[in-house]
N, C-alpha and C. Protein backbone atom coordinates (compact mmCIF):
# COMPACT_ATOMS: atom_id res chain seq x y z
N ILE A 1 40.86 -8.93 -14.84
CA ILE A 1 40.80 -9.07 -16.25
C ILE A 1 39.48 -8.82 -16.74
N TRP A 2 38.40 -9.54 -16.12
CA TRP A 2 37.07 -9.51 -16.49
C TRP A 2 36.47 -8.19 -16.35
N THR A 3 36.97 -7.54 -15.45
CA THR A 3 36.29 -5.99 -15.19
C THR A 3 37.14 -5.08 -16.07
N ASP A 4 38.61 -5.03 -15.95
CA ASP A 4 39.37 -4.09 -16.48
C ASP A 4 39.64 -4.17 -18.17
N HIS A 5 39.63 -5.43 -18.60
CA HIS A 5 40.01 -5.70 -20.02
C HIS A 5 38.66 -6.22 -20.96
N HIS A 6 37.92 -6.73 -20.08
CA HIS A 6 36.94 -7.54 -21.10
C HIS A 6 35.26 -7.08 -20.69
N SER A 7 35.16 -6.19 -19.62
CA SER A 7 34.00 -5.32 -19.62
C SER A 7 32.68 -6.32 -19.19
N LEU A 8 32.92 -7.40 -18.41
CA LEU A 8 31.87 -8.35 -18.12
C LEU A 8 30.75 -7.55 -17.54
N PRO A 9 30.91 -6.59 -16.48
CA PRO A 9 29.71 -6.02 -15.90
C PRO A 9 28.95 -5.29 -17.15
N THR A 10 29.52 -4.84 -17.98
CA THR A 10 28.79 -4.36 -19.19
C THR A 10 28.04 -5.28 -19.93
N THR A 11 28.60 -6.49 -20.17
CA THR A 11 28.13 -7.49 -20.89
C THR A 11 26.86 -8.04 -20.08
N LEU A 12 26.95 -7.98 -18.72
CA LEU A 12 25.87 -8.46 -17.93
C LEU A 12 24.68 -7.43 -17.89
N ASP A 13 25.09 -6.17 -17.83
CA ASP A 13 23.92 -5.23 -18.00
C ASP A 13 23.23 -5.25 -19.30
N ASN A 14 24.12 -5.51 -20.30
CA ASN A 14 23.32 -5.55 -21.62
C ASN A 14 22.59 -6.79 -21.84
N LEU A 15 22.87 -7.82 -21.27
CA LEU A 15 22.02 -9.20 -21.39
C LEU A 15 21.08 -8.79 -20.71
N ILE A 16 21.01 -8.55 -19.39
CA ILE A 16 19.85 -8.33 -18.53
C ILE A 16 18.79 -6.92 -19.21
N ALA A 17 19.43 -5.90 -19.63
CA ALA A 17 18.61 -4.90 -20.39
C ALA A 17 17.81 -5.69 -21.55
N ASP A 18 18.51 -6.29 -22.31
CA ASP A 18 17.91 -6.93 -23.50
C ASP A 18 16.90 -8.08 -23.50
N GLY A 19 16.74 -8.59 -22.09
CA GLY A 19 15.77 -9.58 -21.75
C GLY A 19 16.58 -10.89 -21.93
N HIS A 20 17.83 -11.05 -22.07
CA HIS A 20 18.41 -12.33 -22.39
C HIS A 20 18.86 -13.07 -20.91
N LEU A 21 18.88 -12.22 -20.08
CA LEU A 21 19.22 -12.93 -18.61
C LEU A 21 18.60 -12.11 -17.46
N ARG A 22 18.44 -13.02 -16.38
CA ARG A 22 17.81 -12.42 -15.18
C ARG A 22 18.67 -11.64 -14.44
N HIS A 23 18.21 -10.90 -13.65
CA HIS A 23 19.16 -9.98 -12.65
C HIS A 23 19.88 -10.83 -11.80
N VAL A 24 21.19 -10.36 -11.78
CA VAL A 24 22.24 -11.00 -10.87
C VAL A 24 23.15 -10.01 -10.20
N ARG A 25 23.64 -10.55 -8.97
CA ARG A 25 24.68 -10.13 -8.23
C ARG A 25 25.81 -10.98 -8.60
N CYS A 26 26.95 -10.06 -8.93
CA CYS A 26 28.10 -10.66 -9.58
C CYS A 26 29.18 -10.55 -8.62
N VAL A 27 30.03 -11.46 -8.32
CA VAL A 27 31.35 -11.34 -7.34
C VAL A 27 32.34 -11.69 -8.22
N LEU A 28 33.15 -10.78 -8.26
CA LEU A 28 34.58 -11.02 -9.30
C LEU A 28 35.97 -10.81 -8.50
N PRO A 29 36.08 -12.10 -7.74
CA PRO A 29 37.46 -11.98 -7.19
C PRO A 29 38.75 -11.73 -7.87
N ALA A 30 39.53 -11.20 -7.65
CA ALA A 30 40.89 -10.89 -8.39
C ALA A 30 41.72 -12.10 -8.44
N SER A 31 42.05 -12.19 -9.70
CA SER A 31 42.82 -13.63 -9.96
C SER A 31 44.28 -13.72 -9.25
N GLY A 32 44.64 -12.53 -9.19
CA GLY A 32 46.02 -12.42 -8.06
C GLY A 32 47.43 -12.69 -9.19
N GLY A 33 47.14 -13.04 -10.35
CA GLY A 33 48.12 -13.22 -11.39
C GLY A 33 48.54 -14.65 -11.37
N ARG A 34 49.13 -15.16 -12.48
CA ARG A 34 49.40 -16.50 -12.82
C ARG A 34 49.75 -17.33 -11.58
N ASP A 35 50.82 -16.86 -10.88
CA ASP A 35 51.48 -17.89 -9.90
C ASP A 35 50.54 -17.99 -8.88
N LYS A 36 49.77 -17.08 -8.29
CA LYS A 36 48.79 -17.22 -7.51
C LYS A 36 47.65 -17.98 -7.79
N ARG A 37 47.24 -18.00 -9.17
CA ARG A 37 46.24 -19.00 -9.51
C ARG A 37 46.47 -20.39 -9.53
N TRP A 38 47.88 -20.36 -9.98
CA TRP A 38 48.57 -22.03 -9.96
C TRP A 38 48.53 -22.38 -8.39
N GLU A 39 48.90 -21.63 -7.60
CA GLU A 39 48.79 -21.80 -6.08
C GLU A 39 47.64 -22.10 -5.47
N GLU A 40 46.63 -21.46 -5.92
CA GLU A 40 45.39 -21.73 -5.06
C GLU A 40 44.44 -22.47 -6.04
N LEU A 41 44.46 -22.72 -7.00
CA LEU A 41 43.49 -23.43 -8.00
C LEU A 41 44.14 -24.59 -8.54
N ALA A 42 45.33 -24.92 -8.71
CA ALA A 42 45.79 -26.24 -9.28
C ALA A 42 45.56 -27.36 -8.19
N GLY A 43 45.66 -27.19 -7.11
CA GLY A 43 45.48 -28.26 -6.05
C GLY A 43 44.17 -28.70 -5.74
N GLY A 44 43.21 -27.97 -6.20
CA GLY A 44 41.86 -28.39 -6.02
C GLY A 44 41.12 -27.89 -4.59
N GLU A 45 42.00 -26.92 -4.06
CA GLU A 45 41.31 -26.21 -2.72
C GLU A 45 40.40 -25.15 -3.22
N GLY A 46 40.42 -24.63 -4.41
CA GLY A 46 39.55 -23.52 -4.85
C GLY A 46 38.18 -23.75 -4.75
N ALA A 47 37.56 -24.95 -4.79
CA ALA A 47 36.12 -25.23 -4.41
C ALA A 47 35.81 -25.06 -3.17
N ASP A 48 36.58 -25.47 -2.26
CA ASP A 48 36.23 -25.45 -0.82
C ASP A 48 36.51 -23.87 -0.51
N TYR A 49 37.51 -23.16 -1.03
CA TYR A 49 37.24 -21.73 -0.70
C TYR A 49 36.12 -21.09 -1.15
N ILE A 50 35.65 -21.29 -2.33
CA ILE A 50 34.34 -20.74 -2.79
C ILE A 50 33.18 -20.93 -1.90
N VAL A 51 32.90 -22.25 -1.52
CA VAL A 51 32.04 -22.67 -0.74
C VAL A 51 31.89 -22.23 0.74
N ASN A 52 33.05 -22.28 1.17
CA ASN A 52 33.17 -22.16 2.77
C ASN A 52 33.71 -20.93 3.11
N GLN A 53 34.30 -19.90 2.29
CA GLN A 53 34.76 -18.72 2.58
C GLN A 53 34.34 -17.61 1.78
N LEU A 54 34.12 -17.71 0.51
CA LEU A 54 33.70 -16.77 -0.12
C LEU A 54 32.32 -16.62 -0.11
N LEU A 55 31.50 -17.61 -0.45
CA LEU A 55 30.13 -17.46 -0.25
C LEU A 55 29.66 -16.85 1.18
N PRO A 56 29.93 -17.47 2.17
CA PRO A 56 29.62 -16.81 3.61
C PRO A 56 30.03 -15.52 3.54
N TRP A 57 31.22 -15.10 3.25
CA TRP A 57 31.87 -13.49 3.34
C TRP A 57 30.79 -12.74 2.47
N VAL A 58 30.23 -13.18 1.37
CA VAL A 58 29.45 -12.37 0.28
C VAL A 58 28.09 -12.29 1.01
N ARG A 59 27.64 -13.39 1.60
CA ARG A 59 26.48 -13.24 2.26
C ARG A 59 26.27 -12.40 3.42
N GLU A 60 27.30 -12.27 4.21
CA GLU A 60 27.35 -11.41 5.25
C GLU A 60 27.33 -9.87 5.10
N ARG A 61 27.71 -9.77 3.65
CA ARG A 61 27.72 -8.22 3.39
C ARG A 61 26.64 -7.72 2.44
N ARG A 62 26.07 -8.61 1.79
CA ARG A 62 25.23 -8.24 0.45
C ARG A 62 23.92 -9.36 0.63
N ALA A 63 22.88 -8.58 0.30
CA ALA A 63 21.70 -9.42 -0.13
C ALA A 63 21.81 -10.18 -1.20
N VAL A 64 21.82 -11.55 -1.14
CA VAL A 64 21.94 -12.56 -2.04
C VAL A 64 20.96 -13.75 -2.17
N SER A 65 20.63 -14.08 -3.11
CA SER A 65 19.82 -15.33 -3.12
C SER A 65 20.81 -16.43 -2.78
N GLU A 66 19.81 -17.51 -2.38
CA GLU A 66 20.56 -18.93 -2.15
C GLU A 66 21.12 -19.59 -3.60
N GLU A 67 20.44 -19.10 -4.55
CA GLU A 67 20.77 -19.58 -5.92
C GLU A 67 22.14 -18.96 -6.24
N THR A 68 23.23 -19.86 -6.37
CA THR A 68 24.52 -19.29 -6.77
C THR A 68 25.04 -20.10 -7.87
N TYR A 69 25.77 -19.49 -8.89
CA TYR A 69 26.27 -19.94 -10.10
C TYR A 69 27.78 -19.41 -10.11
N VAL A 70 28.59 -20.37 -10.58
CA VAL A 70 29.94 -20.17 -10.45
C VAL A 70 30.65 -20.23 -12.18
N LEU A 71 31.34 -19.33 -12.66
CA LEU A 71 31.74 -19.14 -13.94
C LEU A 71 33.29 -19.23 -13.86
N GLY A 72 33.99 -19.92 -14.70
CA GLY A 72 35.37 -19.82 -14.76
C GLY A 72 36.10 -20.41 -16.18
N GLN A 73 37.38 -19.93 -16.26
CA GLN A 73 38.10 -20.36 -17.52
C GLN A 73 39.38 -20.80 -17.09
N SER A 74 39.60 -21.85 -17.77
CA SER A 74 40.99 -22.70 -17.56
C SER A 74 41.00 -23.18 -16.05
N LEU A 75 42.03 -22.79 -15.28
CA LEU A 75 41.96 -23.43 -13.90
C LEU A 75 40.74 -22.89 -13.06
N GLY A 76 40.20 -21.85 -13.41
CA GLY A 76 39.05 -21.34 -12.93
C GLY A 76 37.87 -22.28 -13.30
N GLY A 77 38.08 -22.62 -14.52
CA GLY A 77 36.77 -23.47 -15.12
C GLY A 77 37.02 -24.90 -14.49
N VAL A 78 38.04 -25.52 -14.28
CA VAL A 78 38.10 -26.73 -13.61
C VAL A 78 37.63 -26.64 -12.07
N THR A 79 37.96 -25.22 -11.46
CA THR A 79 37.55 -25.13 -10.04
C THR A 79 36.20 -24.91 -9.99
N ALA A 80 35.56 -24.10 -10.87
CA ALA A 80 34.24 -24.03 -10.72
C ALA A 80 33.11 -25.41 -10.93
N LEU A 81 33.67 -26.22 -11.88
CA LEU A 81 33.19 -27.50 -11.99
C LEU A 81 33.32 -28.39 -10.75
N ARG A 82 34.52 -28.37 -10.17
CA ARG A 82 34.92 -29.03 -8.91
C ARG A 82 33.72 -28.51 -7.71
N ALA A 83 33.43 -27.16 -7.72
CA ALA A 83 32.68 -26.55 -6.71
C ALA A 83 31.18 -27.04 -6.99
N GLY A 84 30.68 -26.86 -8.27
CA GLY A 84 29.41 -27.35 -8.43
C GLY A 84 29.28 -28.83 -8.36
N LEU A 85 30.08 -29.66 -8.68
CA LEU A 85 29.79 -31.01 -8.61
C LEU A 85 30.20 -31.64 -7.11
N THR A 86 30.99 -30.96 -6.39
CA THR A 86 31.42 -31.42 -4.92
C THR A 86 30.20 -30.86 -3.90
N TYR A 87 29.75 -29.56 -4.30
CA TYR A 87 28.88 -28.96 -3.33
C TYR A 87 27.56 -28.48 -3.97
N PRO A 88 26.75 -29.54 -4.73
CA PRO A 88 25.69 -29.13 -5.47
C PRO A 88 24.51 -28.60 -4.43
N GLU A 89 24.75 -28.68 -3.13
CA GLU A 89 23.57 -28.00 -2.32
C GLU A 89 23.90 -26.44 -2.24
N HIS A 90 25.17 -25.96 -2.70
CA HIS A 90 25.62 -24.60 -2.55
C HIS A 90 25.63 -23.89 -3.84
N ILE A 91 26.01 -24.79 -4.95
CA ILE A 91 26.41 -24.41 -6.17
C ILE A 91 25.33 -24.81 -7.15
N HIS A 92 24.49 -24.00 -7.72
CA HIS A 92 23.23 -24.36 -8.47
C HIS A 92 23.76 -24.76 -10.17
N GLY A 93 24.58 -24.05 -10.43
CA GLY A 93 25.21 -24.04 -11.90
C GLY A 93 26.45 -23.56 -12.19
N VAL A 94 27.05 -24.18 -13.18
CA VAL A 94 28.36 -23.73 -13.42
C VAL A 94 28.46 -23.34 -14.92
N ALA A 95 29.26 -22.59 -15.48
CA ALA A 95 29.54 -22.13 -16.52
C ALA A 95 31.19 -22.31 -16.75
N SER A 96 31.62 -23.30 -17.54
CA SER A 96 32.98 -23.55 -17.52
C SER A 96 33.38 -23.27 -19.06
N GLN A 97 34.67 -22.70 -19.20
CA GLN A 97 35.17 -22.57 -20.49
C GLN A 97 36.65 -22.99 -20.24
N SER A 98 36.93 -23.90 -21.18
CA SER A 98 38.34 -24.30 -21.43
C SER A 98 38.76 -24.89 -20.03
N ALA A 99 37.97 -25.73 -19.29
CA ALA A 99 38.50 -26.15 -18.09
C ALA A 99 39.81 -27.10 -18.12
N SER A 100 40.79 -26.82 -17.33
CA SER A 100 41.94 -27.39 -17.18
C SER A 100 41.72 -29.01 -16.75
N LEU A 101 40.93 -29.61 -17.63
CA LEU A 101 40.88 -31.13 -17.20
C LEU A 101 41.94 -31.87 -17.29
N TRP A 102 42.99 -31.58 -18.00
CA TRP A 102 44.29 -32.54 -17.94
C TRP A 102 44.60 -32.53 -16.51
N LEU A 103 44.60 -31.55 -15.65
CA LEU A 103 45.10 -31.38 -14.33
C LEU A 103 44.10 -32.16 -13.60
N ASP A 104 42.73 -32.33 -13.52
CA ASP A 104 41.68 -33.00 -12.76
C ASP A 104 40.74 -33.54 -13.61
N ASP A 105 40.30 -34.64 -13.82
CA ASP A 105 39.35 -35.07 -14.71
C ASP A 105 37.93 -35.07 -14.02
N LEU A 106 38.05 -34.81 -12.83
CA LEU A 106 36.68 -34.72 -11.95
C LEU A 106 36.08 -36.07 -11.94
N ALA A 107 36.85 -37.15 -12.19
CA ALA A 107 36.09 -38.66 -11.86
C ALA A 107 35.49 -38.79 -10.52
N ASP A 108 36.18 -38.45 -9.43
CA ASP A 108 35.48 -38.63 -8.08
C ASP A 108 34.35 -37.68 -7.77
N ALA A 109 34.14 -36.47 -8.64
CA ALA A 109 33.17 -35.58 -8.39
C ALA A 109 31.93 -35.80 -9.14
N VAL A 110 32.07 -36.58 -10.13
CA VAL A 110 30.86 -36.78 -11.05
C VAL A 110 29.96 -38.21 -10.46
N THR A 111 28.89 -37.75 -9.86
CA THR A 111 27.98 -38.66 -9.09
C THR A 111 26.62 -38.39 -9.41
N ALA A 112 25.82 -39.19 -8.80
CA ALA A 112 24.26 -39.12 -9.19
C ALA A 112 23.69 -38.01 -8.46
N GLU A 113 24.36 -37.82 -7.09
CA GLU A 113 24.05 -36.76 -6.34
C GLU A 113 24.32 -35.36 -6.80
N ALA A 114 25.40 -35.08 -7.82
CA ALA A 114 25.64 -33.89 -8.10
C ALA A 114 24.87 -33.33 -9.16
N LYS A 115 23.60 -32.69 -8.80
CA LYS A 115 22.65 -32.19 -9.81
C LYS A 115 22.89 -30.82 -10.24
N THR A 116 24.06 -30.11 -9.99
CA THR A 116 24.32 -28.92 -10.38
C THR A 116 24.19 -28.87 -11.89
N ARG A 117 23.53 -27.68 -12.65
CA ARG A 117 23.61 -27.64 -14.09
C ARG A 117 24.81 -27.16 -14.55
N VAL A 118 25.24 -27.55 -15.72
CA VAL A 118 26.55 -27.29 -16.30
C VAL A 118 26.67 -26.98 -17.57
N HIS A 119 27.31 -25.81 -17.99
CA HIS A 119 27.45 -25.42 -19.43
C HIS A 119 28.97 -25.57 -19.58
N LEU A 120 29.56 -26.33 -20.53
CA LEU A 120 30.94 -26.76 -20.70
C LEU A 120 31.07 -26.27 -21.97
N ALA A 121 32.30 -25.49 -22.13
CA ALA A 121 32.57 -24.96 -23.51
C ALA A 121 34.24 -25.06 -23.60
N HIS A 122 34.55 -25.50 -24.90
CA HIS A 122 35.93 -25.33 -25.12
C HIS A 122 36.23 -25.00 -26.41
N GLY A 123 37.55 -24.59 -26.89
CA GLY A 123 37.84 -24.10 -28.31
C GLY A 123 38.37 -25.30 -28.99
N THR A 124 37.94 -25.18 -30.22
CA THR A 124 38.25 -26.48 -31.15
C THR A 124 39.73 -26.59 -31.32
N GLN A 125 40.53 -25.40 -31.12
CA GLN A 125 41.99 -25.60 -31.31
C GLN A 125 42.61 -26.04 -30.18
N GLU A 126 41.90 -26.39 -29.02
CA GLU A 126 42.65 -26.74 -27.89
C GLU A 126 42.58 -28.41 -28.00
N TRP A 127 43.58 -28.84 -28.83
CA TRP A 127 43.93 -30.12 -28.96
C TRP A 127 43.99 -31.04 -27.65
N VAL A 128 44.47 -30.39 -26.55
CA VAL A 128 44.75 -31.00 -25.39
C VAL A 128 43.32 -31.38 -24.48
N LEU A 129 42.54 -30.44 -24.88
CA LEU A 129 41.19 -30.41 -23.84
C LEU A 129 40.07 -31.21 -24.71
N ASP A 130 40.28 -31.17 -25.89
CA ASP A 130 38.93 -31.52 -26.76
C ASP A 130 38.49 -33.10 -26.18
N GLU A 131 39.19 -33.80 -26.34
CA GLU A 131 38.69 -35.29 -26.04
C GLU A 131 38.24 -35.26 -24.53
N LEU A 132 39.10 -34.57 -23.68
CA LEU A 132 38.70 -34.38 -22.26
C LEU A 132 37.21 -33.82 -21.98
N HIS A 133 37.14 -32.71 -22.79
CA HIS A 133 35.80 -32.28 -22.57
C HIS A 133 34.62 -32.97 -22.98
N HIS A 134 34.77 -33.56 -24.06
CA HIS A 134 33.72 -34.51 -24.67
C HIS A 134 33.36 -35.93 -23.66
N ASP A 135 34.51 -36.31 -23.18
CA ASP A 135 34.43 -37.21 -22.18
C ASP A 135 33.54 -36.94 -20.89
N LEU A 136 34.06 -35.55 -20.50
CA LEU A 136 33.17 -35.17 -19.20
C LEU A 136 31.91 -34.98 -19.52
N VAL A 137 31.45 -34.44 -20.92
CA VAL A 137 30.06 -34.22 -21.05
C VAL A 137 29.35 -35.59 -21.00
N ASP A 138 29.65 -36.56 -21.72
CA ASP A 138 29.20 -37.97 -21.65
C ASP A 138 29.11 -38.29 -20.17
N ARG A 139 30.13 -38.33 -19.41
CA ARG A 139 30.21 -38.63 -17.89
C ARG A 139 29.11 -38.01 -17.17
N LEU A 140 28.91 -36.71 -17.35
CA LEU A 140 28.01 -35.73 -16.53
C LEU A 140 26.37 -36.29 -17.09
N ARG A 141 26.21 -36.59 -18.43
CA ARG A 141 24.97 -36.75 -18.88
C ARG A 141 24.63 -38.23 -18.38
N ALA A 142 25.65 -39.19 -18.31
CA ALA A 142 25.26 -40.46 -17.79
C ALA A 142 25.04 -40.63 -16.37
N ALA A 143 25.42 -39.61 -15.69
CA ALA A 143 25.18 -39.54 -14.12
C ALA A 143 23.75 -38.70 -13.82
N GLY A 144 23.32 -38.11 -14.93
CA GLY A 144 21.71 -37.65 -14.83
C GLY A 144 22.25 -35.99 -14.73
N ILE A 145 23.13 -35.45 -14.88
CA ILE A 145 23.29 -34.12 -14.80
C ILE A 145 23.01 -33.28 -15.87
N ASP A 146 22.27 -32.21 -15.77
CA ASP A 146 21.81 -31.22 -16.89
C ASP A 146 23.01 -30.53 -17.23
N VAL A 147 23.38 -30.90 -18.68
CA VAL A 147 24.69 -30.25 -19.09
C VAL A 147 24.49 -29.84 -20.46
N THR A 148 24.85 -28.66 -20.78
CA THR A 148 25.06 -28.24 -22.36
C THR A 148 26.57 -28.07 -22.45
N SER A 149 26.75 -28.22 -23.69
CA SER A 149 28.11 -27.93 -24.16
C SER A 149 28.17 -27.30 -25.54
N ALA A 150 29.46 -26.71 -25.64
CA ALA A 150 29.54 -25.75 -26.93
C ALA A 150 31.10 -25.85 -27.23
N GLU A 151 31.23 -25.70 -28.56
CA GLU A 151 32.57 -25.56 -29.09
C GLU A 151 32.62 -24.39 -29.93
N HIS A 152 33.80 -23.73 -29.68
CA HIS A 152 34.09 -22.39 -30.14
C HIS A 152 35.45 -22.44 -31.00
N ASN A 153 35.48 -21.69 -32.11
CA ASN A 153 36.56 -21.80 -32.88
C ASN A 153 37.61 -20.93 -32.32
N GLY A 154 38.75 -21.34 -31.59
CA GLY A 154 39.44 -20.65 -30.78
C GLY A 154 40.22 -21.56 -29.93
N GLY A 155 41.47 -20.98 -29.54
CA GLY A 155 42.39 -21.77 -28.40
C GLY A 155 41.84 -21.49 -27.23
N HIS A 156 43.05 -21.58 -26.21
CA HIS A 156 42.95 -21.39 -24.81
C HIS A 156 43.12 -19.95 -24.60
N ASP A 157 42.05 -19.06 -24.84
CA ASP A 157 42.34 -17.71 -24.66
C ASP A 157 41.04 -16.88 -24.39
N TYR A 158 41.22 -15.70 -24.13
CA TYR A 158 40.28 -14.74 -23.94
C TYR A 158 39.32 -14.34 -25.33
N ALA A 159 40.07 -14.47 -26.33
CA ALA A 159 39.48 -14.10 -27.69
C ALA A 159 37.98 -14.84 -27.87
N TRP A 160 37.88 -15.88 -27.62
CA TRP A 160 36.57 -16.58 -27.55
C TRP A 160 35.75 -16.55 -26.28
N TRP A 161 36.52 -16.60 -25.03
CA TRP A 161 35.78 -16.52 -23.81
C TRP A 161 35.09 -15.43 -23.66
N ARG A 162 35.52 -14.02 -24.14
CA ARG A 162 34.95 -12.89 -24.01
C ARG A 162 33.63 -12.90 -24.56
N SER A 163 33.41 -13.34 -25.80
CA SER A 163 31.99 -13.27 -26.39
C SER A 163 31.17 -14.48 -25.95
N ALA A 164 31.94 -15.64 -25.59
CA ALA A 164 31.07 -16.78 -25.43
C ALA A 164 30.67 -16.87 -23.93
N VAL A 165 31.11 -15.98 -23.15
CA VAL A 165 30.70 -16.03 -21.74
C VAL A 165 29.13 -15.74 -21.53
N ALA A 166 28.78 -14.89 -22.53
CA ALA A 166 27.34 -14.53 -22.47
C ALA A 166 26.37 -15.86 -22.79
N ASP A 167 27.06 -16.81 -23.34
CA ASP A 167 26.35 -18.06 -24.07
C ASP A 167 26.08 -18.95 -22.85
N GLY A 168 27.04 -18.96 -22.08
CA GLY A 168 27.11 -19.66 -20.82
C GLY A 168 26.14 -19.19 -19.87
N LEU A 169 26.16 -17.92 -19.56
CA LEU A 169 25.30 -17.40 -18.55
C LEU A 169 23.89 -17.32 -19.16
N ARG A 170 23.68 -17.48 -20.46
CA ARG A 170 22.06 -17.42 -20.75
C ARG A 170 21.73 -18.93 -20.54
N ALA A 171 22.54 -19.82 -20.90
CA ALA A 171 22.23 -21.41 -20.71
C ALA A 171 21.92 -21.71 -19.12
N LEU A 172 22.41 -20.88 -18.24
CA LEU A 172 22.17 -21.08 -16.76
C LEU A 172 21.32 -20.29 -16.15
N LEU A 173 21.12 -18.98 -16.71
CA LEU A 173 20.14 -17.93 -16.15
C LEU A 173 19.49 -17.25 -17.09
N PRO A 174 18.58 -17.98 -17.74
CA PRO A 174 17.47 -17.55 -18.64
C PRO A 174 16.46 -16.15 -17.98
N PRO A 175 16.07 -15.44 -18.68
CA PRO A 175 15.18 -14.59 -17.97
C PRO A 175 14.09 -15.21 -17.19
N GLU A 176 13.53 -14.68 -16.38
CA GLU A 176 12.53 -15.25 -15.32
C GLU A 176 11.04 -14.97 -16.21
């Protein structure tokens, strides 16, 4: 989706060229479709996969820094948050859009030890997620986690995710 339909590589290139974002190496695993996403991400195992399988695989094949950031939307958003909060020694920042917090409110992951930076965004028309996102922002801040939040006029969809992905990346990866 992010390469074929939403041109995320072009967005990254433009942000870097315009001096809004530091240079990054981006890994974009295929979503596998709706059923596969539910199977792999709804149970919470996605964070373990990112840290224990995907990151080692990438590091074996490419020169990458130890500074790792995760971005996700919906099920991917809650997975990215769980990865960052559960594995702060591996994940340094998370940009999450419309995280499926109705599925997992991350109560067990929000601790004072979780120092991962977080950018949390949701759509104002996502009535199921609005209060959950505000509550998580409050809990993250109370735990001393560096968090920025944003609301966008939109629902649970790519329409605003596509343009707002740049905001999340800029919040986490300002130019050096």
